Amino acid sequence: YMVLLPFLIHTDSSEKVCVQLTHLNESVTLSTTLEYQGENRSLIDDVVSEKDVFTCIPFSLPKTNSTSVAFLTVMVKGETLQFRSRKSLLVQNSESLVFIQTDKPIYKPGQTVLFRIVSLDKDFYPMNEKVEPKFFVDPQRNRVYQWQGVELETGFTQLSFPLTSEPIQGSYKIVVQKSFSSHVEHSFSVEEYVLPKYEVLVKLPKMITIKDVELPVTVCGLYTYGKPVPGLVNVQVCRKFSHSSNCYGREAEAVCE
C-alpha cells in the first residue's frame, strides 16, 4: 500500500490525500480519519473489493489562529489483512500575495499619487478580499489619509491621493493591512522640482592628416539618470595658426568653422 499527501496544508484551500492498494486477495474496509483542533473527521469509510485500488479524497481545513499540526490516519481491515498508517501534517493559514504599485517613484508638490493594489492566492490567481490601505509620511510618521475596508474586484483595485501644494518632503509609505499581524509596504518620494542635471560628451579623433576630407565629431548630451537631452548643438572646429617661424600674438590668425 502507499499513502500520498502533502506535508504542508493551507487552510481554506482544496487539498487531497491519495491511497493506493495493490495485490489484494480479499475485500477490505478502507477508512481515513483526520484529526484537527481536537476533532476527528471521517474522510472515507468504504469497502474495497478490487484487486488494485487508487483513490484520492479531497478535504479542506478552516483557518486557525496560528500554525498547527493535524494528523491523518489510514486504516485497512480485512479477514487476514490489517494495517494502519498515521501521518502528521503542518497546517498554515492561506496568505494572499499583495502587491502595491505607484505610477512613478518620485512626485512633486501638488501632483496626484496613483497606485494600485493586486492580491493573488498561492496559485497566483486573483483573490478578492478586504484590505485597508493607509498613508504614512517619514520621518514624522504622520498618517495623511486612510481608506476603510477597500474591496478588491477580481483581485485588483486602483486608488489615488492628491498631494498638497506644500507637502512634507521625504519618503512616504503606503501600508496595506492584510490581517492583524501582516501588512505590505511600498515607498515613494516627494521632492521639489529642480532642473535635471546633464553632461555633454564630445568624441573626436586624437589626430587627423591633411588627406582627411571630413572630421568625424560626436556630441552627446545625457541626463544623470541616463536619458538623452533633446536640443540643438552648435559645434565650432578651429585650427590654430602654426608656422616654423611662429611668433607670439599670431593666434588670431587661427581658422574656425
C-alpha atoms as a PDB file:
ATOM      1  CA  TYR A   1       0.000   0.000   0.000  1.00  0.00           C
ATOM      2  CA  MET A   2       1.006   3.644  -0.352  1.00  0.00           C
ATOM      3  CA  VAL A   3      -0.362   6.854   1.166  1.00  0.00           C
ATOM      4  CA  LEU A   4       0.342  10.150  -0.637  1.00  0.00           C
ATOM      5  CA  LEU A   5      -0.294  13.511   0.998  1.00  0.00           C
ATOM      6  CA  PRO A   6       1.436  16.914   1.194  1.00  0.00           C
ATOM      7  CA  PHE A   7       3.498  17.764   4.237  1.00  0.00           C
ATOM      8  CA  LEU A   8       2.173  21.349   4.346  1.00  0.00           C
ATOM      9  CA  ILE A   9      -1.581  22.046   4.252  1.00  0.00           C
ATOM     10  CA  HIS A  10      -3.060  25.509   3.657  1.00  0.00           C
ATOM     11  CA  THR A  11      -6.377  26.414   5.240  1.00  0.00           C
ATOM     12  CA  ASP A  12      -9.416  27.344   3.138  1.00  0.00           C
ATOM     13  CA  SER A  13      -7.947  25.574   0.104  1.00  0.00           C
ATOM     14  CA  SER A  14      -8.712  22.269  -1.556  1.00  0.00           C
ATOM     15  CA  GLU A  15      -6.268  19.538  -0.539  1.00  0.00           C
ATOM     16  CA  LYS A  16      -6.344  15.794  -1.049  1.00  0.00           C
ATOM     17  CA  VAL A  17      -4.893  12.558   0.225  1.00  0.00           C
ATOM     18  CA  CYS A  18      -4.395   9.589  -2.108  1.00  0.00           C
ATOM     19  CA  VAL A  19      -4.285   5.905  -1.138  1.00  0.00           C
ATOM     20  CA  GLN A  20      -3.056   3.074  -3.340  1.00  0.00           C
ATOM     21  CA  LEU A  21      -3.692  -0.591  -2.562  1.00  0.00           C
ATOM     22  CA  THR A  22      -2.280  -3.373  -4.752  1.00  0.00           C
ATOM     23  CA  HIS A  23      -2.427  -7.171  -4.910  1.00  0.00           C
ATOM     24  CA  LEU A  24      -5.469  -7.501  -2.652  1.00  0.00           C
ATOM     25  CA  ASN A  25      -6.693 -11.075  -2.245  1.00  0.00           C
ATOM     26  CA  GLU A  26      -9.774 -10.222  -0.211  1.00  0.00           C
ATOM     27  CA  SER A  27     -12.327  -7.479   0.366  1.00  0.00           C
ATOM     28  CA  VAL A  28     -11.157  -4.883   2.876  1.00  0.00           C
ATOM     29  CA  THR A  29     -12.562  -1.802   4.577  1.00  0.00           C
ATOM     30  CA  LEU A  30     -10.664   1.401   3.849  1.00  0.00           C
ATOM     31  CA  SER A  31     -11.114   4.241   6.333  1.00  0.00           C
ATOM     32  CA  THR A  32      -9.390   7.616   6.568  1.00  0.00           C
ATOM     33  CA  THR A  33      -9.712   9.903   9.600  1.00  0.00           C
ATOM     34  CA  LEU A  34      -8.440  13.467  10.004  1.00  0.00           C
ATOM     35  CA  GLU A  35      -7.594  14.762  13.493  1.00  0.00           C
ATOM     36  CA  TYR A  36      -7.546  18.568  13.666  1.00  0.00           C
ATOM     37  CA  GLN A  37      -8.051  21.001  16.556  1.00  0.00           C
ATOM     38  CA  GLY A  38      -9.336  18.274  18.865  1.00  0.00           C
ATOM     39  CA  GLU A  39     -11.914  16.921  16.405  1.00  0.00           C
ATOM     40  CA  ASN A  40     -11.935  13.740  14.317  1.00  0.00           C
ATOM     41  CA  ARG A  41     -13.391  13.876  10.824  1.00  0.00           C
ATOM     42  CA  SER A  42     -14.034  10.772   8.729  1.00  0.00           C
ATOM     43  CA  LEU A  43     -12.953  11.361   5.139  1.00  0.00           C
ATOM     44  CA  ILE A  44     -13.752   7.900   3.787  1.00  0.00           C
ATOM     45  CA  ASP A  45     -15.141   4.614   5.108  1.00  0.00           C
ATOM     46  CA  ASP A  46     -15.708   2.199   2.269  1.00  0.00           C
ATOM     47  CA  VAL A  47     -15.489  -1.494   1.346  1.00  0.00           C
ATOM     48  CA  VAL A  48     -12.906  -2.276  -1.327  1.00  0.00           C
ATOM     49  CA  SER A  49     -13.196  -5.496  -3.310  1.00  0.00           C
ATOM     50  CA  GLU A  50     -10.968  -4.759  -6.334  1.00  0.00           C
ATOM     51  CA  LYS A  51      -7.514  -6.254  -6.582  1.00  0.00           C
ATOM     52  CA  ASP A  52      -5.824  -2.889  -7.258  1.00  0.00           C
ATOM     53  CA  VAL A  53      -7.192   0.412  -5.961  1.00  0.00           C
ATOM     54  CA  PHE A  54      -6.064   4.021  -6.281  1.00  0.00           C
ATOM     55  CA  THR A  55      -8.324   6.687  -4.789  1.00  0.00           C
ATOM     56  CA  CYS A  56      -7.953  10.341  -3.780  1.00  0.00           C
ATOM     57  CA  ILE A  57     -10.058  12.007  -1.081  1.00  0.00           C
ATOM     58  CA  PRO A  58     -10.440  15.823  -1.178  1.00  0.00           C
ATOM     59  CA  PHE A  59     -10.685  17.840   2.028  1.00  0.00           C
ATOM     60  CA  SER A  60     -10.167  21.366   3.372  1.00  0.00           C
ATOM     61  CA  LEU A  61      -9.390  22.847   6.776  1.00  0.00           C
ATOM     62  CA  PRO A  62     -10.709  26.070   8.366  1.00  0.00           C
ATOM     63  CA  LYS A  63      -8.460  28.951   9.400  1.00  0.00           C
ATOM     64  CA  THR A  64      -6.528  28.674  12.624  1.00  0.00           C
ATOM     65  CA  ASN A  65      -5.073  31.288  14.967  1.00  0.00           C
ATOM     66  CA  SER A  66      -1.542  30.029  14.409  1.00  0.00           C
ATOM     67  CA  THR A  67       0.429  27.306  12.678  1.00  0.00           C
ATOM     68  CA  SER A  68      -0.742  23.936  13.966  1.00  0.00           C
ATOM     69  CA  VAL A  69      -0.453  20.211  13.292  1.00  0.00           C
ATOM     70  CA  ALA A  70      -3.097  17.794  12.013  1.00  0.00           C
ATOM     71  CA  PHE A  71      -2.939  14.004  11.892  1.00  0.00           C
ATOM     72  CA  LEU A  72      -4.238  11.741   9.145  1.00  0.00           C
ATOM     73  CA  THR A  73      -4.887   8.078   9.900  1.00  0.00           C
ATOM     74  CA  VAL A  74      -5.435   5.487   7.163  1.00  0.00           C
ATOM     75  CA  MET A  75      -6.694   2.044   8.216  1.00  0.00           C
ATOM     76  CA  VAL A  76      -7.264  -1.066   6.095  1.00  0.00           C
ATOM     77  CA  LYS A  77      -9.066  -4.064   7.640  1.00  0.00           C
ATOM     78  CA  GLY A  78      -9.854  -7.467   6.196  1.00  0.00           C
ATOM     79  CA  GLU A  79     -10.154 -11.062   7.350  1.00  0.00           C
ATOM     80  CA  THR A  80      -6.410 -11.660   7.183  1.00  0.00           C
ATOM     81  CA  LEU A  81      -5.081  -8.223   6.223  1.00  0.00           C
ATOM     82  CA  GLN A  82      -4.814  -5.270   8.577  1.00  0.00           C
ATOM     83  CA  PHE A  83      -2.564  -2.202   8.665  1.00  0.00           C
ATOM     84  CA  ARG A  84      -2.651   1.354   9.972  1.00  0.00           C
ATOM     85  CA  SER A  85      -0.710   4.464   8.898  1.00  0.00           C
ATOM     86  CA  ARG A  86      -0.690   7.752  10.824  1.00  0.00           C
ATOM     87  CA  LYS A  87       0.898  10.848   9.286  1.00  0.00           C
ATOM     88  CA  SER A  88       1.346  14.375  10.666  1.00  0.00           C
ATOM     89  CA  LEU A  89       0.529  17.460   8.595  1.00  0.00           C
ATOM     90  CA  LEU A  90       1.678  21.024   9.148  1.00  0.00           C
ATOM     91  CA  VAL A  91      -1.280  23.419   8.815  1.00  0.00           C
ATOM     92  CA  GLN A  92      -0.817  27.094   7.899  1.00  0.00           C
ATOM     93  CA  ASN A  93      -3.326  29.778   7.036  1.00  0.00           C
ATOM     94  CA  SER A  94      -3.521  30.665   3.353  1.00  0.00           C
ATOM     95  CA  GLU A  95      -1.804  34.006   2.863  1.00  0.00           C
ATOM     96  CA  SER A  96      -2.545  36.137  -0.152  1.00  0.00           C
ATOM     97  CA  LEU A  97       0.258  37.779  -2.114  1.00  0.00           C
ATOM     98  CA  VAL A  98      -0.388  41.529  -2.095  1.00  0.00           C
ATOM     99  CA  PHE A  99       1.492  43.874  -4.420  1.00  0.00           C
ATOM    100  CA  ILE A 100       1.423  47.698  -4.377  1.00  0.00           C
ATOM    101  CA  GLN A 101       2.445  49.730  -7.422  1.00  0.00           C
ATOM    102  CA  THR A 102       2.603  53.510  -7.890  1.00  0.00           C
ATOM    103  CA  ASP A 103       2.608  55.192 -11.299  1.00  0.00           C
ATOM    104  CA  LYS A 104       6.045  56.693 -10.581  1.00  0.00           C
ATOM    105  CA  PRO A 105       8.672  56.650  -7.809  1.00  0.00           C
ATOM    106  CA  ILE A 106       9.010  60.439  -7.272  1.00  0.00           C
ATOM    107  CA  TYR A 107       6.239  63.063  -7.035  1.00  0.00           C
ATOM    108  CA  LYS A 108       6.246  66.839  -6.950  1.00  0.00           C
ATOM    109  CA  PRO A 109       4.074  69.015  -4.655  1.00  0.00           C
ATOM    110  CA  GLY A 110       0.502  69.282  -5.934  1.00  0.00           C
ATOM    111  CA  GLN A 111       0.650  66.092  -8.010  1.00  0.00           C
ATOM    112  CA  THR A 112      -1.728  63.148  -7.573  1.00  0.00           C
ATOM    113  CA  VAL A 113      -0.371  59.806  -6.412  1.00  0.00           C
ATOM    114  CA  LEU A 114      -1.941  56.972  -8.394  1.00  0.00           C
ATOM    115  CA  PHE A 115      -1.478  53.483  -7.022  1.00  0.00           C
ATOM    116  CA  ARG A 116      -2.956  50.031  -7.429  1.00  0.00           C
ATOM    117  CA  ILE A 117      -3.277  47.026  -5.141  1.00  0.00           C
ATOM    118  CA  VAL A 118      -3.202  43.473  -6.519  1.00  0.00           C
ATOM    119  CA  SER A 119      -3.983  40.365  -4.466  1.00  0.00           C
ATOM    120  CA  LEU A 120      -3.152  36.811  -5.612  1.00  0.00           C
ATOM    121  CA  ASP A 121      -3.602  33.444  -3.937  1.00  0.00           C
ATOM    122  CA  LYS A 122      -0.891  30.818  -3.557  1.00  0.00           C
ATOM    123  CA  ASP A 123      -1.585  29.604  -7.111  1.00  0.00           C
ATOM    124  CA  PHE A 124      -1.282  33.183  -8.464  1.00  0.00           C
ATOM    125  CA  TYR A 125      -4.994  33.517  -9.196  1.00  0.00           C
ATOM    126  CA  PRO A 126      -6.756  36.835  -8.421  1.00  0.00           C
ATOM    127  CA  MET A 127      -8.087  36.837  -4.871  1.00  0.00           C
ATOM    128  CA  ASN A 128     -10.981  39.004  -3.720  1.00  0.00           C
ATOM    129  CA  GLU A 129     -10.563  40.212  -0.153  1.00  0.00           C
ATOM    130  CA  LYS A 130     -10.885  43.277   2.035  1.00  0.00           C
ATOM    131  CA  VAL A 131      -7.741  45.320   2.565  1.00  0.00           C
ATOM    132  CA  GLU A 132      -7.053  48.512   4.477  1.00  0.00           C
ATOM    133  CA  PRO A 133      -4.594  50.857   2.737  1.00  0.00           C
ATOM    134  CA  LYS A 134      -3.125  53.739   4.772  1.00  0.00           C
ATOM    135  CA  PHE A 135      -0.698  56.588   4.117  1.00  0.00           C
ATOM    136  CA  PHE A 136       2.286  57.373   6.317  1.00  0.00           C
ATOM    137  CA  VAL A 137       4.944  60.030   5.905  1.00  0.00           C
ATOM    138  CA  ASP A 138       8.532  59.876   7.104  1.00  0.00           C
ATOM    139  CA  PRO A 139      10.305  60.934   9.224  1.00  0.00           C
ATOM    140  CA  GLN A 140       7.386  62.270  11.290  1.00  0.00           C
ATOM    141  CA  ARG A 141       5.246  59.173  10.597  1.00  0.00           C
ATOM    142  CA  ASN A 142       2.075  61.249  10.451  1.00  0.00           C
ATOM    143  CA  ARG A 143      -0.947  59.495   8.995  1.00  0.00           C
ATOM    144  CA  VAL A 144      -2.103  61.518   5.987  1.00  0.00           C
ATOM    145  CA  TYR A 145      -5.132  59.572   4.771  1.00  0.00           C
ATOM    146  CA  GLN A 146      -6.882  56.254   5.279  1.00  0.00           C
ATOM    147  CA  TRP A 147      -9.446  54.142   3.453  1.00  0.00           C
ATOM    148  CA  GLN A 148     -11.736  51.760   5.322  1.00  0.00           C
ATOM    149  CA  GLY A 149     -12.466  48.246   4.053  1.00  0.00           C
ATOM    150  CA  VAL A 150     -11.480  48.511   0.407  1.00  0.00           C
ATOM    151  CA  GLU A 151     -12.997  45.666  -1.638  1.00  0.00           C
ATOM    152  CA  LEU A 152     -10.837  44.153  -4.370  1.00  0.00           C
ATOM    153  CA  GLU A 153     -12.685  43.272  -7.573  1.00  0.00           C
ATOM    154  CA  THR A 154     -11.088  40.325  -9.379  1.00  0.00           C
ATOM    155  CA  GLY A 155      -8.114  40.811  -7.053  1.00  0.00           C
ATOM    156  CA  PHE A 156      -7.465  44.397  -8.112  1.00  0.00           C
ATOM    157  CA  THR A 157      -8.249  47.978  -7.125  1.00  0.00           C
ATOM    158  CA  GLN A 158      -6.866  51.392  -8.061  1.00  0.00           C
ATOM    159  CA  LEU A 159      -6.822  54.416  -5.752  1.00  0.00           C
ATOM    160  CA  SER A 160      -5.454  57.953  -5.814  1.00  0.00           C
ATOM    161  CA  PHE A 161      -4.360  60.628  -3.384  1.00  0.00           C
ATOM    162  CA  PRO A 162      -3.709  64.335  -4.195  1.00  0.00           C
ATOM    163  CA  LEU A 163      -0.669  65.932  -2.609  1.00  0.00           C
ATOM    164  CA  THR A 164      -0.963  69.461  -1.227  1.00  0.00           C
ATOM    165  CA  SER A 165       0.965  72.364  -2.735  1.00  0.00           C
ATOM    166  CA  GLU A 166       3.344  72.346   0.247  1.00  0.00           C
ATOM    167  CA  PRO A 167       3.627  68.750   1.468  1.00  0.00           C
ATOM    168  CA  ILE A 168       6.308  67.476   3.792  1.00  0.00           C
ATOM    169  CA  GLN A 169       9.161  66.379   1.582  1.00  0.00           C
ATOM    170  CA  GLY A 170      10.707  62.980   2.057  1.00  0.00           C
ATOM    171  CA  SER A 171       9.833  59.318   1.809  1.00  0.00           C
ATOM    172  CA  TYR A 172       6.164  58.304   2.034  1.00  0.00           C
ATOM    173  CA  LYS A 173       4.886  54.798   2.583  1.00  0.00           C
ATOM    174  CA  ILE A 174       1.651  53.116   1.529  1.00  0.00           C
ATOM    175  CA  VAL A 175       0.764  50.429   4.061  1.00  0.00           C
ATOM    176  CA  VAL A 176      -1.771  47.725   3.220  1.00  0.00           C
ATOM    177  CA  GLN A 177      -3.043  45.782   6.217  1.00  0.00           C
ATOM    178  CA  LYS A 178      -3.730  42.150   5.268  1.00  0.00           C
ATOM    179  CA  SER A 179      -4.525  40.842   8.732  1.00  0.00           C
ATOM    180  CA  PHE A 180      -3.944  41.784  12.350  1.00  0.00           C
ATOM    181  CA  SER A 181      -0.308  40.715  12.131  1.00  0.00           C
ATOM    182  CA  SER A 182       0.537  41.048   8.446  1.00  0.00           C
ATOM    183  CA  HIS A 183       0.971  44.076   6.212  1.00  0.00           C
ATOM    184  CA  VAL A 184       2.700  45.144   2.982  1.00  0.00           C
ATOM    185  CA  GLU A 185       4.520  48.454   2.404  1.00  0.00           C
ATOM    186  CA  HIS A 186       5.518  50.452  -0.667  1.00  0.00           C
ATOM    187  CA  SER A 187       7.617  53.637  -0.617  1.00  0.00           C
ATOM    188  CA  PHE A 188       7.750  56.702  -2.840  1.00  0.00           C
ATOM    189  CA  SER A 189       9.359  60.147  -2.541  1.00  0.00           C
ATOM    190  CA  VAL A 190       8.027  63.702  -2.612  1.00  0.00           C
ATOM    191  CA  GLU A 191      10.600  66.280  -3.733  1.00  0.00           C
ATOM    192  CA  GLU A 192      10.692  69.850  -5.007  1.00  0.00           C
ATOM    193  CA  TYR A 193      11.144  70.235  -8.748  1.00  0.00           C
ATOM    194  CA  VAL A 194      14.699  71.031  -9.782  1.00  0.00           C
ATOM    195  CA  LEU A 195      16.136  71.310 -13.250  1.00  0.00           C
ATOM    196  CA  PRO A 196      17.692  67.979 -14.176  1.00  0.00           C
ATOM    197  CA  LYS A 197      21.471  67.904 -14.427  1.00  0.00           C
ATOM    198  CA  TYR A 198      23.173  66.680 -17.554  1.00  0.00           C
ATOM    199  CA  GLU A 199      26.611  66.430 -19.095  1.00  0.00           C
ATOM    200  CA  VAL A 200      27.881  66.890 -22.647  1.00  0.00           C
ATOM    201  CA  LEU A 201      30.337  64.364 -24.041  1.00  0.00           C
ATOM    202  CA  VAL A 202      32.396  65.204 -27.147  1.00  0.00           C
ATOM    203  CA  LYS A 203      34.123  62.437 -29.057  1.00  0.00           C
ATOM    204  CA  LEU A 204      36.597  63.144 -31.889  1.00  0.00           C
ATOM    205  CA  PRO A 205      39.771  61.564 -33.243  1.00  0.00           C
ATOM    206  CA  LYS A 206      43.033  62.333 -31.463  1.00  0.00           C
ATOM    207  CA  MET A 207      44.777  63.072 -34.761  1.00  0.00           C
ATOM    208  CA  ILE A 208      43.884  63.862 -38.369  1.00  0.00           C
ATOM    209  CA  THR A 209      46.002  64.137 -41.512  1.00  0.00           C
ATOM    210  CA  ILE A 210      45.968  66.538 -44.447  1.00  0.00           C
ATOM    211  CA  LYS A 211      44.419  63.770 -46.518  1.00  0.00           C
ATOM    212  CA  ASP A 212      41.301  63.606 -44.340  1.00  0.00           C
ATOM    213  CA  VAL A 213      38.326  65.145 -46.116  1.00  0.00           C
ATOM    214  CA  GLU A 214      35.977  65.001 -43.140  1.00  0.00           C
ATOM    215  CA  LEU A 215      36.420  65.293 -39.386  1.00  0.00           C
ATOM    216  CA  PRO A 216      34.006  62.983 -37.518  1.00  0.00           C
ATOM    217  CA  VAL A 217      32.737  64.641 -34.325  1.00  0.00           C
ATOM    218  CA  THR A 218      30.140  63.141 -31.970  1.00  0.00           C
ATOM    219  CA  VAL A 219      28.378  65.278 -29.353  1.00  0.00           C
ATOM    220  CA  CYS A 220      26.142  63.533 -26.831  1.00  0.00           C
ATOM    221  CA  GLY A 221      24.099  65.129 -24.037  1.00  0.00           C
ATOM    222  CA  LEU A 222      22.905  62.816 -21.264  1.00  0.00           C
ATOM    223  CA  TYR A 223      20.957  63.419 -18.083  1.00  0.00           C
ATOM    224  CA  THR A 224      22.450  61.985 -14.914  1.00  0.00           C
ATOM    225  CA  TYR A 225      19.824  59.233 -14.975  1.00  0.00           C
ATOM    226  CA  GLY A 226      20.907  58.115 -18.465  1.00  0.00           C
ATOM    227  CA  LYS A 227      18.280  59.555 -20.826  1.00  0.00           C
ATOM    228  CA  PRO A 228      19.356  61.749 -23.783  1.00  0.00           C
ATOM    229  CA  VAL A 229      18.947  65.536 -23.676  1.00  0.00           C
ATOM    230  CA  PRO A 230      16.877  66.905 -26.589  1.00  0.00           C
ATOM    231  CA  GLY A 231      18.036  70.172 -28.127  1.00  0.00           C
ATOM    232  CA  LEU A 232      20.294  71.872 -30.684  1.00  0.00           C
ATOM    233  CA  VAL A 233      24.089  71.762 -30.690  1.00  0.00           C
ATOM    234  CA  ASN A 234      26.393  74.436 -32.127  1.00  0.00           C
ATOM    235  CA  VAL A 235      29.788  72.902 -32.875  1.00  0.00           C
ATOM    236  CA  GLN A 236      32.813  75.033 -33.841  1.00  0.00           C
ATOM    237  CA  VAL A 237      36.056  73.430 -35.017  1.00  0.00           C
ATOM    238  CA  CYS A 238      39.211  75.573 -35.013  1.00  0.00           C
ATOM    239  CA  ARG A 239      42.688  75.091 -36.479  1.00  0.00           C
ATOM    240  CA  LYS A 240      45.310  77.026 -34.582  1.00  0.00           C
ATOM    241  CA  PHE A 241      47.815  79.116 -36.539  1.00  0.00           C
ATOM    242  CA  SER A 242      51.142  77.304 -36.688  1.00  0.00           C
ATOM    243  CA  HIS A 243      54.349  78.062 -38.582  1.00  0.00           C
ATOM    244  CA  SER A 244      58.020  77.297 -38.148  1.00  0.00           C
ATOM    245  CA  SER A 245      58.641  80.987 -37.536  1.00  0.00           C
ATOM    246  CA  ASN A 246      55.571  81.349 -35.311  1.00  0.00           C
ATOM    247  CA  CYS A 247      55.670  84.413 -33.091  1.00  0.00           C
ATOM    248  CA  TYR A 248      53.578  85.276 -30.108  1.00  0.00           C
ATOM    249  CA  GLY A 249      50.364  87.160 -30.835  1.00  0.00           C
ATOM    250  CA  ARG A 250      49.533  85.446 -34.138  1.00  0.00           C
ATOM    251  CA  GLU A 251      46.940  83.074 -32.614  1.00  0.00           C
ATOM    252  CA  ALA A 252      44.236  85.392 -34.012  1.00  0.00           C
ATOM    253  CA  GLU A 253      45.058  84.050 -37.460  1.00  0.00           C
ATOM    254  CA  ALA A 254      43.558  80.663 -36.482  1.00  0.00           C
ATOM    255  CA  VAL A 255      40.869  79.261 -38.779  1.00  0.00           C
ATOM    256  CA  CYS A 256      37.487  78.311 -37.274  1.00  0.00           C
ATOM    257  CA  GLU A 257      34.466  76.767 -38.954  1.00  0.00           C
END
